[in-house]
Amino acid sequence: LSSAASDVYKRQMQYRKAFRKAAIKSSKAARDSDGKSLENMQPQDITINRITDDADAADRITASYEKARYSDKNISKEELEFMLDFIKNDKYNKRT
């Protein structure tokens, strides 16, 4: 892999890891209350039910996750920074 391709791959993996981290942080409490596990949910459902209730943020997070996971398009630095900032600033749902 070239350096540029390597950077793109790293951003996509970082984004996917951050998405999982946000979903899992509230997953145990949410699973206890609604009985659903992450494996049986679509990305949009995970974002809305486990990460944020804010519709605009949820759309942005889901679109970027789906791009990182399923598309051959690249995640931008801005998309990654948005997600990392979202996690860092503890903006995800606290469903306890």
N, C-alpha and C. Protein backbone atom coordinates (compact mmCIF):
# COMPACT_ATOMS: atom_id res chain seq x y z
N LEU A 1 0.83 -1.20 0.00
CA LEU A 1 0.00 0.00 0.00
C LEU A 1 0.87 1.25 0.00
N SER A 2 0.44 2.22 -0.75
CA SER A 2 1.16 3.49 -0.73
C SER A 2 0.85 4.20 0.58
N SER A 3 1.60 5.23 0.86
CA SER A 3 1.39 5.99 2.10
C SER A 3 0.00 6.61 2.15
N ALA A 4 -0.45 7.17 1.02
CA ALA A 4 -1.77 7.79 0.98
C ALA A 4 -2.87 6.74 1.17
N ALA A 5 -2.73 5.60 0.52
CA ALA A 5 -3.72 4.52 0.67
C ALA A 5 -3.71 4.00 2.11
N SER A 6 -2.54 3.91 2.69
CA SER A 6 -2.42 3.47 4.07
C SER A 6 -3.12 4.43 5.03
N ASP A 7 -2.98 5.73 4.79
CA ASP A 7 -3.64 6.74 5.63
C ASP A 7 -5.16 6.63 5.53
N VAL A 8 -5.65 6.41 4.31
CA VAL A 8 -7.10 6.27 4.09
C VAL A 8 -7.60 5.04 4.85
N TYR A 9 -6.90 3.93 4.72
CA TYR A 9 -7.30 2.70 5.40
C TYR A 9 -7.31 2.91 6.92
N LYS A 10 -6.30 3.58 7.44
CA LYS A 10 -6.23 3.84 8.88
C LYS A 10 -7.41 4.69 9.34
N ARG A 11 -7.78 5.72 8.56
CA ARG A 11 -8.92 6.56 8.92
C ARG A 11 -10.20 5.75 8.95
N GLN A 12 -10.37 4.89 7.96
CA GLN A 12 -11.59 4.08 7.91
C GLN A 12 -11.65 3.13 9.10
N MET A 13 -10.55 2.51 9.45
CA MET A 13 -10.52 1.61 10.59
C MET A 13 -10.72 2.39 11.89
N GLN A 14 -10.15 3.56 12.01
CA GLN A 14 -10.34 4.40 13.20
C GLN A 14 -11.80 4.77 13.36
N TYR A 15 -12.44 5.12 12.24
CA TYR A 15 -13.85 5.51 12.31
C TYR A 15 -14.70 4.34 12.77
N ARG A 16 -14.47 3.18 12.20
CA ARG A 16 -15.25 2.00 12.57
C ARG A 16 -15.04 1.65 14.04
N LYS A 17 -13.81 1.78 14.51
CA LYS A 17 -13.50 1.50 15.92
C LYS A 17 -14.22 2.50 16.84
N ALA A 18 -14.23 3.78 16.45
CA ALA A 18 -14.90 4.80 17.26
C ALA A 18 -16.41 4.56 17.29
N PHE A 19 -16.98 4.16 16.16
CA PHE A 19 -18.41 3.86 16.10
C PHE A 19 -18.75 2.72 17.05
N ARG A 20 -17.95 1.65 16.98
CA ARG A 20 -18.19 0.51 17.88
C ARG A 20 -18.05 0.92 19.34
N LYS A 21 -17.04 1.72 19.64
CA LYS A 21 -16.82 2.17 21.01
C LYS A 21 -18.04 2.93 21.54
N ALA A 22 -18.57 3.84 20.72
CA ALA A 22 -19.74 4.61 21.14
C ALA A 22 -20.95 3.71 21.33
N ALA A 23 -21.12 2.75 20.44
CA ALA A 23 -22.28 1.86 20.52
C ALA A 23 -22.17 0.93 21.72
N ILE A 24 -20.99 0.44 21.99
CA ILE A 24 -20.81 -0.53 23.07
C ILE A 24 -20.89 0.13 24.44
N LYS A 25 -20.48 1.37 24.56
CA LYS A 25 -20.52 2.04 25.87
C LYS A 25 -21.91 2.01 26.47
N SER A 26 -22.94 2.16 25.63
CA SER A 26 -24.30 2.16 26.17
C SER A 26 -25.01 0.85 25.86
N SER A 27 -24.31 -0.08 25.25
CA SER A 27 -24.93 -1.31 24.79
C SER A 27 -25.43 -2.20 25.92
N LYS A 28 -24.65 -2.38 26.96
CA LYS A 28 -25.04 -3.29 28.03
C LYS A 28 -26.34 -2.82 28.71
N ALA A 29 -26.39 -1.56 29.04
CA ALA A 29 -27.61 -1.03 29.68
C ALA A 29 -28.79 -1.09 28.71
N ALA A 30 -28.54 -0.76 27.46
CA ALA A 30 -29.63 -0.79 26.48
C ALA A 30 -30.09 -2.22 26.22
N ARG A 31 -29.19 -3.15 26.16
CA ARG A 31 -29.57 -4.54 25.93
C ARG A 31 -30.42 -5.04 27.08
N ASP A 32 -30.07 -4.64 28.29
CA ASP A 32 -30.85 -5.04 29.45
C ASP A 32 -32.28 -4.52 29.36
N SER A 33 -32.45 -3.33 28.80
CA SER A 33 -33.78 -2.74 28.77
C SER A 33 -34.60 -3.13 27.54
N ASP A 34 -33.95 -3.32 26.37
CA ASP A 34 -34.75 -3.61 25.18
C ASP A 34 -34.51 -4.99 24.58
N GLY A 35 -33.56 -5.74 25.09
CA GLY A 35 -33.35 -7.11 24.66
C GLY A 35 -32.66 -7.28 23.31
N LYS A 36 -32.29 -6.21 22.65
CA LYS A 36 -31.64 -6.30 21.34
C LYS A 36 -30.13 -6.26 21.49
N SER A 37 -29.46 -7.06 20.69
CA SER A 37 -28.00 -6.99 20.66
C SER A 37 -27.58 -6.24 19.40
N LEU A 38 -26.36 -5.72 19.40
CA LEU A 38 -25.86 -4.96 18.26
C LEU A 38 -25.81 -5.78 16.99
N GLU A 39 -25.58 -7.09 17.10
CA GLU A 39 -25.45 -7.94 15.93
C GLU A 39 -26.73 -7.98 15.11
N ASN A 40 -27.86 -7.73 15.73
CA ASN A 40 -29.15 -7.82 15.04
C ASN A 40 -29.70 -6.46 14.62
N MET A 41 -28.86 -5.43 14.66
CA MET A 41 -29.33 -4.09 14.35
C MET A 41 -28.60 -3.52 13.13
N GLN A 42 -29.28 -2.68 12.37
CA GLN A 42 -28.69 -1.97 11.25
C GLN A 42 -27.92 -0.75 11.79
N PRO A 43 -26.93 -0.24 11.02
CA PRO A 43 -26.16 0.91 11.50
C PRO A 43 -27.01 2.10 11.93
N GLN A 44 -28.06 2.43 11.17
CA GLN A 44 -28.92 3.57 11.54
C GLN A 44 -29.60 3.32 12.89
N ASP A 45 -30.05 2.08 13.11
CA ASP A 45 -30.69 1.74 14.38
C ASP A 45 -29.70 1.84 15.54
N ILE A 46 -28.49 1.37 15.31
CA ILE A 46 -27.46 1.45 16.34
C ILE A 46 -27.20 2.91 16.69
N THR A 47 -27.05 3.73 15.66
CA THR A 47 -26.74 5.14 15.91
C THR A 47 -27.85 5.82 16.70
N ILE A 48 -29.09 5.65 16.28
CA ILE A 48 -30.22 6.30 16.95
C ILE A 48 -30.46 5.74 18.35
N ASN A 49 -30.37 4.43 18.50
CA ASN A 49 -30.71 3.79 19.78
C ASN A 49 -29.55 3.72 20.76
N ARG A 50 -28.32 3.76 20.28
CA ARG A 50 -27.20 3.54 21.17
C ARG A 50 -26.19 4.68 21.22
N ILE A 51 -26.19 5.55 20.21
CA ILE A 51 -25.14 6.58 20.17
C ILE A 51 -25.70 7.97 20.42
N THR A 52 -26.72 8.38 19.66
CA THR A 52 -27.27 9.72 19.85
C THR A 52 -28.73 9.79 19.40
N ASP A 53 -29.49 10.62 20.08
CA ASP A 53 -30.88 10.88 19.69
C ASP A 53 -30.97 12.07 18.74
N ASP A 54 -29.88 12.82 18.59
CA ASP A 54 -29.85 13.98 17.71
C ASP A 54 -29.89 13.50 16.26
N ALA A 55 -30.98 13.80 15.54
CA ALA A 55 -31.19 13.29 14.19
C ALA A 55 -30.10 13.71 13.21
N ASP A 56 -29.67 14.97 13.28
CA ASP A 56 -28.63 15.44 12.36
C ASP A 56 -27.31 14.74 12.61
N ALA A 57 -26.93 14.65 13.87
CA ALA A 57 -25.68 13.96 14.21
C ALA A 57 -25.77 12.48 13.85
N ALA A 58 -26.91 11.88 14.09
CA ALA A 58 -27.10 10.46 13.78
C ALA A 58 -26.97 10.21 12.28
N ASP A 59 -27.56 11.06 11.47
CA ASP A 59 -27.45 10.91 10.02
C ASP A 59 -26.00 11.03 9.57
N ARG A 60 -25.31 11.99 10.13
CA ARG A 60 -23.90 12.21 9.76
C ARG A 60 -23.03 11.03 10.19
N ILE A 61 -23.22 10.56 11.40
CA ILE A 61 -22.45 9.44 11.93
C ILE A 61 -22.73 8.17 11.13
N THR A 62 -24.00 7.89 10.85
CA THR A 62 -24.35 6.68 10.12
C THR A 62 -23.82 6.71 8.69
N ALA A 63 -23.99 7.83 8.01
CA ALA A 63 -23.50 7.95 6.63
C ALA A 63 -21.99 7.72 6.57
N SER A 64 -21.27 8.29 7.50
CA SER A 64 -19.81 8.10 7.52
C SER A 64 -19.44 6.67 7.87
N TYR A 65 -20.16 6.07 8.82
CA TYR A 65 -19.88 4.67 9.17
C TYR A 65 -20.12 3.76 7.97
N GLU A 66 -21.25 3.96 7.30
CA GLU A 66 -21.55 3.11 6.15
C GLU A 66 -20.53 3.31 5.04
N LYS A 67 -20.03 4.53 4.89
CA LYS A 67 -18.97 4.79 3.91
C LYS A 67 -17.70 4.04 4.30
N ALA A 68 -17.35 4.10 5.58
CA ALA A 68 -16.13 3.43 6.06
C ALA A 68 -16.26 1.92 5.98
N ARG A 69 -17.44 1.42 6.20
CA ARG A 69 -17.64 -0.04 6.28
C ARG A 69 -17.92 -0.68 4.93
N TYR A 70 -18.77 -0.05 4.13
CA TYR A 70 -19.29 -0.72 2.94
C TYR A 70 -18.87 -0.12 1.60
N SER A 71 -18.35 1.07 1.59
CA SER A 71 -18.09 1.77 0.34
C SER A 71 -16.61 1.76 -0.03
N ASP A 72 -16.35 2.03 -1.29
CA ASP A 72 -14.96 2.19 -1.71
C ASP A 72 -14.55 3.66 -1.64
N LYS A 73 -15.46 4.53 -1.16
CA LYS A 73 -15.15 5.94 -0.97
C LYS A 73 -14.37 6.12 0.33
N ASN A 74 -13.60 7.17 0.37
CA ASN A 74 -12.74 7.42 1.52
C ASN A 74 -13.42 8.28 2.58
N ILE A 75 -13.10 7.99 3.83
CA ILE A 75 -13.53 8.83 4.95
C ILE A 75 -12.59 10.04 4.99
N SER A 76 -13.17 11.22 5.08
CA SER A 76 -12.34 12.41 5.16
C SER A 76 -11.81 12.59 6.58
N LYS A 77 -10.79 13.41 6.68
CA LYS A 77 -10.26 13.74 8.00
C LYS A 77 -11.32 14.41 8.85
N GLU A 78 -12.15 15.24 8.23
CA GLU A 78 -13.21 15.95 8.95
C GLU A 78 -14.24 14.97 9.51
N GLU A 79 -14.61 13.95 8.72
CA GLU A 79 -15.57 12.96 9.20
C GLU A 79 -15.01 12.20 10.41
N LEU A 80 -13.75 11.81 10.32
CA LEU A 80 -13.11 11.11 11.42
C LEU A 80 -13.01 12.01 12.64
N GLU A 81 -12.60 13.24 12.45
CA GLU A 81 -12.48 14.17 13.57
C GLU A 81 -13.82 14.41 14.24
N PHE A 82 -14.90 14.50 13.46
CA PHE A 82 -16.24 14.68 14.04
C PHE A 82 -16.57 13.52 14.97
N MET A 83 -16.34 12.30 14.50
CA MET A 83 -16.67 11.13 15.31
C MET A 83 -15.78 11.04 16.55
N LEU A 84 -14.50 11.27 16.39
CA LEU A 84 -13.59 11.20 17.53
C LEU A 84 -13.92 12.29 18.55
N ASP A 85 -14.27 13.48 18.08
CA ASP A 85 -14.67 14.56 18.98
C ASP A 85 -15.97 14.21 19.69
N PHE A 86 -16.88 13.58 18.97
CA PHE A 86 -18.15 13.16 19.54
C PHE A 86 -17.92 12.20 20.71
N ILE A 87 -17.04 11.24 20.51
CA ILE A 87 -16.72 10.26 21.55
C ILE A 87 -15.95 10.93 22.69
N LYS A 88 -14.95 11.70 22.34
CA LYS A 88 -14.09 12.35 23.34
C LYS A 88 -14.90 13.25 24.27
N ASN A 89 -15.84 13.97 23.71
CA ASN A 89 -16.62 14.91 24.51
C ASN A 89 -17.84 14.26 25.14
N ASP A 90 -17.88 12.94 25.05
CA ASP A 90 -18.91 12.19 25.78
C ASP A 90 -20.32 12.63 25.40
N LYS A 91 -20.55 12.81 24.10
CA LYS A 91 -21.85 13.29 23.64
C LYS A 91 -22.83 12.16 23.33
N TYR A 92 -22.39 10.92 23.44
CA TYR A 92 -23.27 9.82 23.11
C TYR A 92 -24.30 9.62 24.22
N ASN A 93 -25.31 8.84 23.90
CA ASN A 93 -26.39 8.59 24.87
C ASN A 93 -25.86 7.89 26.11
N LYS A 94 -26.47 8.19 27.20
CA LYS A 94 -26.18 7.49 28.43
C LYS A 94 -27.48 6.83 28.85
N ARG A 95 -27.69 5.64 28.39
CA ARG A 95 -28.93 4.91 28.66
C ARG A 95 -28.70 3.96 29.83
N THR A 96 -28.75 4.52 31.01
CA THR A 96 -28.53 3.69 32.19
C THR A 96 -29.77 3.64 33.03
